[in-house]
Amino acid sequence: MFQGLGPVTIKRMFGGKGIYHLGRIVAVEVRDEMLLKADETSAPEFVAAGATQWAYEGKKGKPVKMPYWSIPEEAYDDPDLMAKWVRLAYEAALRAES
């Protein structure tokens, strides 16, 4: 999945795992689902592809939306398409630090 991006490291975090490339988090694995990082620039592409944003129930039952999105289904059968989504996640990680 991350082959086209390069080496990644995995760290345990909040009941799941964080996937990092060059020290920047690009994805999380929560409840056996891989979710890619997105931001206001890339999120519309995830929405257009039918991806869903990760949210959890916060205080007083209010949903808390996180900057991670499901991987569009068609990417699982197309390595080039998967590479595109992973690259978008890395680009979002870079923008988050600037």
C-alpha atoms as a PDB file:
ATOM      1  CA  MET A   1       0.000   0.000   0.000  1.00  0.00           C
ATOM      2  CA  PHE A   2       2.765   2.469   0.897  1.00  0.00           C
ATOM      3  CA  GLN A   3       5.326   0.967  -1.475  1.00  0.00           C
ATOM      4  CA  GLY A   4       5.173   3.880  -3.926  1.00  0.00           C
ATOM      5  CA  LEU A   5       5.728   6.392  -1.133  1.00  0.00           C
ATOM      6  CA  GLY A   6       8.793   4.799   0.370  1.00  0.00           C
ATOM      7  CA  PRO A   7       9.698   3.459   3.800  1.00  0.00           C
ATOM      8  CA  VAL A   8       7.200   3.874   6.615  1.00  0.00           C
ATOM      9  CA  THR A   9       7.323   3.400  10.355  1.00  0.00           C
ATOM     10  CA  ILE A  10       4.453   2.244  12.535  1.00  0.00           C
ATOM     11  CA  LYS A  11       3.755   3.515  16.048  1.00  0.00           C
ATOM     12  CA  ARG A  12       0.996   2.523  18.449  1.00  0.00           C
ATOM     13  CA  MET A  13      -1.414   5.314  19.263  1.00  0.00           C
ATOM     14  CA  PHE A  14      -4.930   5.820  20.721  1.00  0.00           C
ATOM     15  CA  GLY A  15      -5.985   2.190  20.383  1.00  0.00           C
ATOM     16  CA  GLY A  16      -4.633   1.853  16.859  1.00  0.00           C
ATOM     17  CA  LYS A  17      -1.496   2.504  14.873  1.00  0.00           C
ATOM     18  CA  GLY A  18      -0.025   5.566  13.206  1.00  0.00           C
ATOM     19  CA  ILE A  19       1.755   5.145   9.868  1.00  0.00           C
ATOM     20  CA  TYR A  20       4.590   7.628   9.296  1.00  0.00           C
ATOM     21  CA  HIS A  21       6.716   8.519   6.282  1.00  0.00           C
ATOM     22  CA  LEU A  22       9.788  10.677   6.879  1.00  0.00           C
ATOM     23  CA  GLY A  23       8.508  11.508  10.353  1.00  0.00           C
ATOM     24  CA  ARG A  24       5.073  12.690   9.215  1.00  0.00           C
ATOM     25  CA  ILE A  25       1.878  10.798   9.941  1.00  0.00           C
ATOM     26  CA  VAL A  26       0.118   9.818   6.713  1.00  0.00           C
ATOM     27  CA  ALA A  27      -2.382   7.231   7.929  1.00  0.00           C
ATOM     28  CA  VAL A  28      -3.884   5.549  10.953  1.00  0.00           C
ATOM     29  CA  GLU A  29      -5.150   2.041  11.439  1.00  0.00           C
ATOM     30  CA  VAL A  30      -8.176   1.998  13.721  1.00  0.00           C
ATOM     31  CA  ARG A  31     -10.390  -1.028  14.348  1.00  0.00           C
ATOM     32  CA  ASP A  32      -8.719  -2.923  11.493  1.00  0.00           C
ATOM     33  CA  GLU A  33      -9.397  -0.129   8.981  1.00  0.00           C
ATOM     34  CA  MET A  34      -6.676   1.901   7.291  1.00  0.00           C
ATOM     35  CA  LEU A  35      -7.510   5.610   7.042  1.00  0.00           C
ATOM     36  CA  LEU A  36      -5.506   8.179   5.087  1.00  0.00           C
ATOM     37  CA  LYS A  37      -4.764  11.735   6.187  1.00  0.00           C
ATOM     38  CA  ALA A  38      -6.560  14.531   4.350  1.00  0.00           C
ATOM     39  CA  ASP A  39      -7.053  18.251   4.808  1.00  0.00           C
ATOM     40  CA  GLU A  40      -9.223  21.008   3.377  1.00  0.00           C
ATOM     41  CA  THR A  41      -7.283  20.768   0.103  1.00  0.00           C
ATOM     42  CA  SER A  42      -7.542  17.008  -0.433  1.00  0.00           C
ATOM     43  CA  ALA A  43     -10.750  16.117   1.442  1.00  0.00           C
ATOM     44  CA  PRO A  44     -12.996  17.066  -1.507  1.00  0.00           C
ATOM     45  CA  GLU A  45     -11.250  14.407  -3.610  1.00  0.00           C
ATOM     46  CA  PHE A  46     -11.944  11.802  -0.933  1.00  0.00           C
ATOM     47  CA  VAL A  47     -15.595  12.885  -0.784  1.00  0.00           C
ATOM     48  CA  ALA A  48     -15.930  12.701  -4.585  1.00  0.00           C
ATOM     49  CA  ALA A  49     -14.528   9.152  -4.512  1.00  0.00           C
ATOM     50  CA  GLY A  50     -17.099   8.052  -1.911  1.00  0.00           C
ATOM     51  CA  ALA A  51     -14.705   7.886   1.046  1.00  0.00           C
ATOM     52  CA  THR A  52     -15.941   8.554   4.570  1.00  0.00           C
ATOM     53  CA  GLN A  53     -14.343  10.684   7.255  1.00  0.00           C
ATOM     54  CA  TRP A  54     -13.402   9.078  10.558  1.00  0.00           C
ATOM     55  CA  ALA A  55     -15.411  10.437  13.457  1.00  0.00           C
ATOM     56  CA  TYR A  56     -15.906   9.297  17.022  1.00  0.00           C
ATOM     57  CA  GLU A  57     -18.354  10.220  19.738  1.00  0.00           C
ATOM     58  CA  GLY A  58     -16.944  12.949  21.917  1.00  0.00           C
ATOM     59  CA  LYS A  59     -18.182  14.590  25.064  1.00  0.00           C
ATOM     60  CA  LYS A  60     -21.938  14.839  25.421  1.00  0.00           C
ATOM     61  CA  GLY A  61     -22.376  12.550  22.413  1.00  0.00           C
ATOM     62  CA  LYS A  62     -21.136  15.165  19.976  1.00  0.00           C
ATOM     63  CA  PRO A  63     -19.277  13.662  16.974  1.00  0.00           C
ATOM     64  CA  VAL A  64     -15.617  14.624  16.627  1.00  0.00           C
ATOM     65  CA  LYS A  65     -14.350  14.518  13.037  1.00  0.00           C
ATOM     66  CA  MET A  66     -10.732  13.557  12.524  1.00  0.00           C
ATOM     67  CA  PRO A  67      -8.586  14.410   9.473  1.00  0.00           C
ATOM     68  CA  TYR A  68      -8.515  10.790   8.268  1.00  0.00           C
ATOM     69  CA  TRP A  69     -10.595   9.215   5.524  1.00  0.00           C
ATOM     70  CA  SER A  70     -11.384   5.716   4.322  1.00  0.00           C
ATOM     71  CA  ILE A  71      -9.572   4.544   1.214  1.00  0.00           C
ATOM     72  CA  PRO A  72     -11.781   4.534  -1.886  1.00  0.00           C
ATOM     73  CA  GLU A  73     -12.708   0.933  -2.730  1.00  0.00           C
ATOM     74  CA  GLU A  74     -11.394   0.965  -6.302  1.00  0.00           C
ATOM     75  CA  ALA A  75      -7.891   1.776  -5.022  1.00  0.00           C
ATOM     76  CA  TYR A  76      -7.582  -1.686  -3.457  1.00  0.00           C
ATOM     77  CA  ASP A  77      -7.553  -3.261  -6.939  1.00  0.00           C
ATOM     78  CA  ASP A  78      -5.352  -0.666  -8.643  1.00  0.00           C
ATOM     79  CA  PRO A  79      -1.799  -0.079  -7.340  1.00  0.00           C
ATOM     80  CA  ASP A  80      -1.447   3.161  -9.308  1.00  0.00           C
ATOM     81  CA  LEU A  81      -4.673   4.515  -7.869  1.00  0.00           C
ATOM     82  CA  MET A  82      -3.629   3.455  -4.356  1.00  0.00           C
ATOM     83  CA  ALA A  83      -0.335   5.286  -4.873  1.00  0.00           C
ATOM     84  CA  LYS A  84      -2.300   8.437  -5.786  1.00  0.00           C
ATOM     85  CA  TRP A  85      -4.314   8.329  -2.545  1.00  0.00           C
ATOM     86  CA  VAL A  86      -1.255   7.624  -0.410  1.00  0.00           C
ATOM     87  CA  ARG A  87       0.572  10.515  -2.104  1.00  0.00           C
ATOM     88  CA  LEU A  88      -2.382  12.822  -1.328  1.00  0.00           C
ATOM     89  CA  ALA A  89      -2.126  11.754   2.319  1.00  0.00           C
ATOM     90  CA  TYR A  90       1.581  12.571   2.422  1.00  0.00           C
ATOM     91  CA  GLU A  91       0.968  15.952   0.788  1.00  0.00           C
ATOM     92  CA  ALA A  92      -1.663  16.709   3.463  1.00  0.00           C
ATOM     93  CA  ALA A  93       0.888  15.765   6.129  1.00  0.00           C
ATOM     94  CA  LEU A  94       3.402  18.170   4.605  1.00  0.00           C
ATOM     95  CA  ARG A  95       0.864  21.003   4.527  1.00  0.00           C
ATOM     96  CA  ALA A  96      -0.045  20.340   8.173  1.00  0.00           C
ATOM     97  CA  GLU A  97       3.503  21.193   9.202  1.00  0.00           C
ATOM     98  CA  SER A  98       3.792  24.429   7.249  1.00  0.00           C
END
